[in-house]
Amino acid sequence: MSVADNLKEVLAEIKAVADEHNTQVQLVAVSKRKPIEMLREAFEAGQTLFGENYVQELLEKAPQLPDAQFRFMYGPIAFTYSAATYRATRPRPSPRAPTLSPWTP
């Protein structure tokens, strides 16, 4: 099954549950250790939000999908990576990316 087919199936399941509970849900596709080709296929199928666990991978992948949004998904990072991680993950306007509300704990 292709990435696009899997994505379509998962989104249908999410939509069914969200509709049942009258709420909105947004899928964060975790790109951990996945090649950029898989992310590109998911993006072309409509996925715009990706989560990455490794700073080095995030810094490699984010510039290759400039219209996608990336989130860093793991705790502490080395100081030397902090500014680059911020630049790679800050929300950027995109015609395909949905507007996200700020998360509050």
C-alpha atoms as a PDB file:
ATOM      1  CA  MET A   1       0.000   0.000   0.000  1.00  0.00           C
ATOM      2  CA  SER A   2       1.380   3.427  -0.925  1.00  0.00           C
ATOM      3  CA  VAL A   3       1.959   6.297   1.471  1.00  0.00           C
ATOM      4  CA  ALA A   4      -0.940   8.171  -0.156  1.00  0.00           C
ATOM      5  CA  ASP A   5      -3.274   5.181   0.295  1.00  0.00           C
ATOM      6  CA  ASN A   6      -2.265   4.752   3.942  1.00  0.00           C
ATOM      7  CA  LEU A   7      -2.733   8.467   4.563  1.00  0.00           C
ATOM      8  CA  LYS A   8      -6.190   8.413   2.990  1.00  0.00           C
ATOM      9  CA  GLU A   9      -7.209   5.460   5.183  1.00  0.00           C
ATOM     10  CA  VAL A  10      -5.898   7.036   8.398  1.00  0.00           C
ATOM     11  CA  LEU A  11      -7.535  10.387   7.633  1.00  0.00           C
ATOM     12  CA  ALA A  12     -10.870   8.662   7.012  1.00  0.00           C
ATOM     13  CA  GLU A  13     -10.639   6.953  10.421  1.00  0.00           C
ATOM     14  CA  ILE A  14      -9.696  10.227  12.124  1.00  0.00           C
ATOM     15  CA  LYS A  15     -12.560  12.063  10.432  1.00  0.00           C
ATOM     16  CA  ALA A  16     -15.074   9.413  11.506  1.00  0.00           C
ATOM     17  CA  VAL A  17     -14.018   9.653  15.163  1.00  0.00           C
ATOM     18  CA  ALA A  18     -13.792  13.463  15.067  1.00  0.00           C
ATOM     19  CA  ASP A  19     -17.277  13.715  13.544  1.00  0.00           C
ATOM     20  CA  GLU A  20     -18.628  11.307  16.151  1.00  0.00           C
ATOM     21  CA  HIS A  21     -17.272  13.512  18.939  1.00  0.00           C
ATOM     22  CA  ASN A  22     -17.988  16.814  17.159  1.00  0.00           C
ATOM     23  CA  THR A  23     -14.372  17.956  17.311  1.00  0.00           C
ATOM     24  CA  GLN A  24     -11.479  18.751  14.993  1.00  0.00           C
ATOM     25  CA  VAL A  25      -8.305  16.707  14.833  1.00  0.00           C
ATOM     26  CA  GLN A  26      -5.128  17.328  12.879  1.00  0.00           C
ATOM     27  CA  LEU A  27      -2.740  14.538  12.007  1.00  0.00           C
ATOM     28  CA  VAL A  28       0.967  15.060  12.707  1.00  0.00           C
ATOM     29  CA  ALA A  29       2.853  12.641  10.457  1.00  0.00           C
ATOM     30  CA  VAL A  30       5.973  11.493  12.317  1.00  0.00           C
ATOM     31  CA  SER A  31       8.868  11.523   9.883  1.00  0.00           C
ATOM     32  CA  LYS A  32      11.403   9.888  12.184  1.00  0.00           C
ATOM     33  CA  ARG A  33      13.970   7.951  10.139  1.00  0.00           C
ATOM     34  CA  LYS A  34      11.821   8.108   6.987  1.00  0.00           C
ATOM     35  CA  PRO A  35      13.347   9.131   3.660  1.00  0.00           C
ATOM     36  CA  ILE A  36      12.404  12.488   2.187  1.00  0.00           C
ATOM     37  CA  GLU A  37      10.722  10.699  -0.728  1.00  0.00           C
ATOM     38  CA  MET A  38       8.088   9.279   1.651  1.00  0.00           C
ATOM     39  CA  LEU A  39       7.468  12.705   3.162  1.00  0.00           C
ATOM     40  CA  ARG A  40       7.186  14.237  -0.279  1.00  0.00           C
ATOM     41  CA  GLU A  41       4.607  11.593  -1.273  1.00  0.00           C
ATOM     42  CA  ALA A  42       2.592  12.299   1.890  1.00  0.00           C
ATOM     43  CA  PHE A  43       2.814  16.050   1.257  1.00  0.00           C
ATOM     44  CA  GLU A  44       1.625  15.626  -2.321  1.00  0.00           C
ATOM     45  CA  ALA A  45      -1.305  13.591  -0.942  1.00  0.00           C
ATOM     46  CA  GLY A  46      -2.276  16.513   1.306  1.00  0.00           C
ATOM     47  CA  GLN A  47      -0.330  16.011   4.570  1.00  0.00           C
ATOM     48  CA  THR A  48       1.203  19.350   5.587  1.00  0.00           C
ATOM     49  CA  LEU A  49       2.258  18.857   9.223  1.00  0.00           C
ATOM     50  CA  PHE A  50       5.210  16.638  10.119  1.00  0.00           C
ATOM     51  CA  GLY A  51       6.859  15.810  13.443  1.00  0.00           C
ATOM     52  CA  GLU A  52      10.523  14.942  13.723  1.00  0.00           C
ATOM     53  CA  ASN A  53      12.395  13.390  16.653  1.00  0.00           C
ATOM     54  CA  TYR A  54      15.948  14.099  15.522  1.00  0.00           C
ATOM     55  CA  VAL A  55      17.273  17.636  15.102  1.00  0.00           C
ATOM     56  CA  GLN A  56      19.727  16.706  12.368  1.00  0.00           C
ATOM     57  CA  GLU A  57      16.961  15.048  10.317  1.00  0.00           C
ATOM     58  CA  LEU A  58      14.626  17.985  10.865  1.00  0.00           C
ATOM     59  CA  LEU A  59      17.300  20.387   9.634  1.00  0.00           C
ATOM     60  CA  GLU A  60      17.826  18.200   6.551  1.00  0.00           C
ATOM     61  CA  LYS A  61      14.151  17.622   5.694  1.00  0.00           C
ATOM     62  CA  ALA A  62      12.503  20.983   6.417  1.00  0.00           C
ATOM     63  CA  PRO A  63      14.310  22.893   3.619  1.00  0.00           C
ATOM     64  CA  GLN A  64      13.400  20.144   1.135  1.00  0.00           C
ATOM     65  CA  LEU A  65       9.660  20.654   1.832  1.00  0.00           C
ATOM     66  CA  PRO A  66       9.461  24.432   2.311  1.00  0.00           C
ATOM     67  CA  ASP A  67       5.638  24.569   2.189  1.00  0.00           C
ATOM     68  CA  ALA A  68       5.248  21.920   4.913  1.00  0.00           C
ATOM     69  CA  GLN A  69       5.267  22.611   8.641  1.00  0.00           C
ATOM     70  CA  PHE A  70       7.599  20.696  10.941  1.00  0.00           C
ATOM     71  CA  ARG A  71       7.481  20.249  14.711  1.00  0.00           C
ATOM     72  CA  PHE A  72      10.333  19.009  16.876  1.00  0.00           C
ATOM     73  CA  MET A  73       8.888  16.194  19.004  1.00  0.00           C
ATOM     74  CA  TYR A  74      11.456  15.417  21.650  1.00  0.00           C
ATOM     75  CA  GLY A  75      12.796  17.107  24.748  1.00  0.00           C
ATOM     76  CA  PRO A  76      16.104  18.850  25.299  1.00  0.00           C
ATOM     77  CA  ILE A  77      18.346  19.775  22.404  1.00  0.00           C
ATOM     78  CA  ALA A  78      21.944  20.907  22.312  1.00  0.00           C
ATOM     79  CA  PHE A  79      22.381  24.676  22.465  1.00  0.00           C
ATOM     80  CA  THR A  80      24.247  24.594  19.151  1.00  0.00           C
ATOM     81  CA  TYR A  81      21.061  23.360  17.423  1.00  0.00           C
ATOM     82  CA  SER A  82      18.518  25.599  19.158  1.00  0.00           C
ATOM     83  CA  ALA A  83      18.481  28.551  16.734  1.00  0.00           C
ATOM     84  CA  ALA A  84      18.467  26.323  13.647  1.00  0.00           C
ATOM     85  CA  THR A  85      15.642  24.206  15.111  1.00  0.00           C
ATOM     86  CA  TYR A  86      13.591  27.326  15.790  1.00  0.00           C
ATOM     87  CA  ARG A  87      14.057  28.588  12.236  1.00  0.00           C
ATOM     88  CA  ALA A  88      13.114  25.182  10.769  1.00  0.00           C
ATOM     89  CA  THR A  89       9.961  24.727  12.868  1.00  0.00           C
ATOM     90  CA  ARG A  90       8.412  28.180  13.184  1.00  0.00           C
ATOM     91  CA  PRO A  91       5.079  28.425  11.391  1.00  0.00           C
ATOM     92  CA  ARG A  92       5.322  29.916   7.920  1.00  0.00           C
ATOM     93  CA  PRO A  93       2.405  31.035   5.780  1.00  0.00           C
ATOM     94  CA  SER A  94       1.586  28.470   3.130  1.00  0.00           C
ATOM     95  CA  PRO A  95      -1.367  28.172   0.792  1.00  0.00           C
ATOM     96  CA  ARG A  96      -1.638  24.431   1.570  1.00  0.00           C
ATOM     97  CA  ALA A  97      -0.919  24.429   5.299  1.00  0.00           C
ATOM     98  CA  PRO A  98      -3.832  24.885   7.698  1.00  0.00           C
ATOM     99  CA  THR A  99      -3.747  27.592  10.327  1.00  0.00           C
ATOM    100  CA  LEU A 100      -2.944  26.124  13.742  1.00  0.00           C
ATOM    101  CA  SER A 101      -4.172  27.446  17.039  1.00  0.00           C
ATOM    102  CA  PRO A 102      -1.504  27.908  19.682  1.00  0.00           C
ATOM    103  CA  TRP A 103      -1.175  24.927  21.989  1.00  0.00           C
ATOM    104  CA  THR A 104      -1.783  25.614  25.666  1.00  0.00           C
ATOM    105  CA  PRO A 105      -1.112  23.049  28.380  1.00  0.00           C
END
